[in-house]
Amino acid sequence: MKFVEPPSCSALSSIVFVGRNHRGQWIAQEQNGLFGGLFVSRAEAFKYALFENGQHPETIVELPREIELDMGSRPNLPQRAA
């Protein structure tokens, strides 16, 4: 497998990580946690990633290590006062 750095000119496209979790399920998740999900196959994870990132396959990175879906962190949103 060859890893390629996504082009910096794709500022409008999000980097999406695709890989398997510890249970072997396929995950697709945007780098900042803006979108993501669990999928039954690698093909479905890539299909979702392409749909969500505006059909930019160069911004999808398949990870060789485990990845866990984390939809709890939203770093670009302002924090609410308690």
C-alpha atoms as a PDB file:
ATOM      1  CA  MET A   1       0.000   0.000   0.000  1.00  0.00           C
ATOM      2  CA  LYS A   2       1.363   3.407  -0.956  1.00  0.00           C
ATOM      3  CA  PHE A   3       0.553   6.475   1.150  1.00  0.00           C
ATOM      4  CA  VAL A   4       0.372   9.822  -0.590  1.00  0.00           C
ATOM      5  CA  GLU A   5       0.119  13.229   1.067  1.00  0.00           C
ATOM      6  CA  PRO A   6      -3.137  14.933  -0.026  1.00  0.00           C
ATOM      7  CA  PRO A   7      -2.541  18.070  -2.089  1.00  0.00           C
ATOM      8  CA  SER A   8      -2.676  21.318  -0.134  1.00  0.00           C
ATOM      9  CA  CYS A   9      -4.709  22.960  -2.907  1.00  0.00           C
ATOM     10  CA  SER A  10      -7.746  20.931  -1.768  1.00  0.00           C
ATOM     11  CA  ALA A  11      -8.490  23.288   1.110  1.00  0.00           C
ATOM     12  CA  LEU A  12     -12.243  22.925   0.590  1.00  0.00           C
ATOM     13  CA  SER A  13     -12.072  19.137   0.871  1.00  0.00           C
ATOM     14  CA  SER A  14     -11.826  17.377   4.202  1.00  0.00           C
ATOM     15  CA  ILE A  15      -9.359  14.598   4.881  1.00  0.00           C
ATOM     16  CA  VAL A  16     -11.273  11.435   5.673  1.00  0.00           C
ATOM     17  CA  PHE A  17      -9.677   8.486   7.439  1.00  0.00           C
ATOM     18  CA  VAL A  18     -10.877   4.981   6.562  1.00  0.00           C
ATOM     19  CA  GLY A  19      -9.910   1.857   8.464  1.00  0.00           C
ATOM     20  CA  ARG A  20     -11.112  -0.899  10.785  1.00  0.00           C
ATOM     21  CA  ASN A  21     -11.908  -0.668  14.470  1.00  0.00           C
ATOM     22  CA  HIS A  22     -10.946  -3.240  17.106  1.00  0.00           C
ATOM     23  CA  ARG A  23     -14.004  -5.332  16.158  1.00  0.00           C
ATOM     24  CA  GLY A  24     -13.112  -5.401  12.464  1.00  0.00           C
ATOM     25  CA  GLN A  25     -15.879  -3.003  11.446  1.00  0.00           C
ATOM     26  CA  TRP A  26     -15.108  -0.419   8.772  1.00  0.00           C
ATOM     27  CA  ILE A  27     -14.936   3.228   9.863  1.00  0.00           C
ATOM     28  CA  ALA A  28     -14.897   6.434   7.837  1.00  0.00           C
ATOM     29  CA  GLN A  29     -14.317   9.647   9.774  1.00  0.00           C
ATOM     30  CA  GLU A  30     -13.448  13.215   8.839  1.00  0.00           C
ATOM     31  CA  GLN A  31     -10.234  14.386  10.514  1.00  0.00           C
ATOM     32  CA  ASN A  32     -12.019  16.899  12.765  1.00  0.00           C
ATOM     33  CA  GLY A  33     -14.938  14.604  13.615  1.00  0.00           C
ATOM     34  CA  LEU A  34     -17.441  16.568  11.515  1.00  0.00           C
ATOM     35  CA  PHE A  35     -18.860  13.389   9.983  1.00  0.00           C
ATOM     36  CA  GLY A  36     -18.274   9.675  10.121  1.00  0.00           C
ATOM     37  CA  GLY A  37     -19.849   6.291  10.505  1.00  0.00           C
ATOM     38  CA  LEU A  38     -19.617   2.495  10.742  1.00  0.00           C
ATOM     39  CA  PHE A  39     -19.897   0.437   7.557  1.00  0.00           C
ATOM     40  CA  VAL A  40     -20.329  -3.203   6.566  1.00  0.00           C
ATOM     41  CA  SER A  41     -17.544  -3.091   3.982  1.00  0.00           C
ATOM     42  CA  ARG A  42     -14.514  -1.148   2.833  1.00  0.00           C
ATOM     43  CA  ALA A  43     -16.340  -0.236  -0.381  1.00  0.00           C
ATOM     44  CA  GLU A  44     -19.251   1.312   1.542  1.00  0.00           C
ATOM     45  CA  ALA A  45     -16.869   3.291   3.781  1.00  0.00           C
ATOM     46  CA  PHE A  46     -15.108   4.723   0.708  1.00  0.00           C
ATOM     47  CA  LYS A  47     -18.422   5.441  -1.015  1.00  0.00           C
ATOM     48  CA  TYR A  48     -19.568   7.430   2.023  1.00  0.00           C
ATOM     49  CA  ALA A  49     -16.231   9.254   2.308  1.00  0.00           C
ATOM     50  CA  LEU A  50     -16.390  10.297  -1.346  1.00  0.00           C
ATOM     51  CA  PHE A  51     -19.976  11.502  -1.005  1.00  0.00           C
ATOM     52  CA  GLU A  52     -19.209  13.552   2.105  1.00  0.00           C
ATOM     53  CA  ASN A  53     -15.977  15.115   0.863  1.00  0.00           C
ATOM     54  CA  GLY A  54     -17.283  16.211  -2.531  1.00  0.00           C
ATOM     55  CA  GLN A  55     -15.856  13.368  -4.657  1.00  0.00           C
ATOM     56  CA  HIS A  56     -12.175  13.984  -3.822  1.00  0.00           C
ATOM     57  CA  PRO A  57     -10.514  10.541  -3.615  1.00  0.00           C
ATOM     58  CA  GLU A  58      -7.113  12.171  -3.083  1.00  0.00           C
ATOM     59  CA  THR A  59      -8.233  13.318   0.385  1.00  0.00           C
ATOM     60  CA  ILE A  60      -9.152   9.835   1.641  1.00  0.00           C
ATOM     61  CA  VAL A  61      -6.480   8.113   3.712  1.00  0.00           C
ATOM     62  CA  GLU A  62      -6.738   4.411   4.482  1.00  0.00           C
ATOM     63  CA  LEU A  63      -5.086   3.657   7.801  1.00  0.00           C
ATOM     64  CA  PRO A  64      -3.116   0.437   8.355  1.00  0.00           C
ATOM     65  CA  ARG A  65      -3.773   0.605  12.128  1.00  0.00           C
ATOM     66  CA  GLU A  66      -7.033   0.458  14.073  1.00  0.00           C
ATOM     67  CA  ILE A  67      -9.259   3.508  14.158  1.00  0.00           C
ATOM     68  CA  GLU A  68     -12.166   4.091  16.513  1.00  0.00           C
ATOM     69  CA  LEU A  69     -15.183   6.211  15.642  1.00  0.00           C
ATOM     70  CA  ASP A  70     -15.172   9.326  17.810  1.00  0.00           C
ATOM     71  CA  MET A  71     -18.038  11.708  17.174  1.00  0.00           C
ATOM     72  CA  GLY A  72     -17.722  13.417  20.561  1.00  0.00           C
ATOM     73  CA  SER A  73     -15.043  15.977  19.735  1.00  0.00           C
ATOM     74  CA  ARG A  74     -15.996  19.052  17.747  1.00  0.00           C
ATOM     75  CA  PRO A  75     -12.855  21.248  17.862  1.00  0.00           C
ATOM     76  CA  ASN A  76     -14.077  23.976  15.496  1.00  0.00           C
ATOM     77  CA  LEU A  77     -17.285  24.742  17.366  1.00  0.00           C
ATOM     78  CA  PRO A  78     -17.413  27.329  20.158  1.00  0.00           C
ATOM     79  CA  GLN A  79     -17.811  25.976  23.688  1.00  0.00           C
ATOM     80  CA  ARG A  80     -21.055  26.737  25.514  1.00  0.00           C
ATOM     81  CA  ALA A  81     -20.924  28.429  28.877  1.00  0.00           C
ATOM     82  CA  ALA A  82     -22.074  26.195  31.728  1.00  0.00           C
END
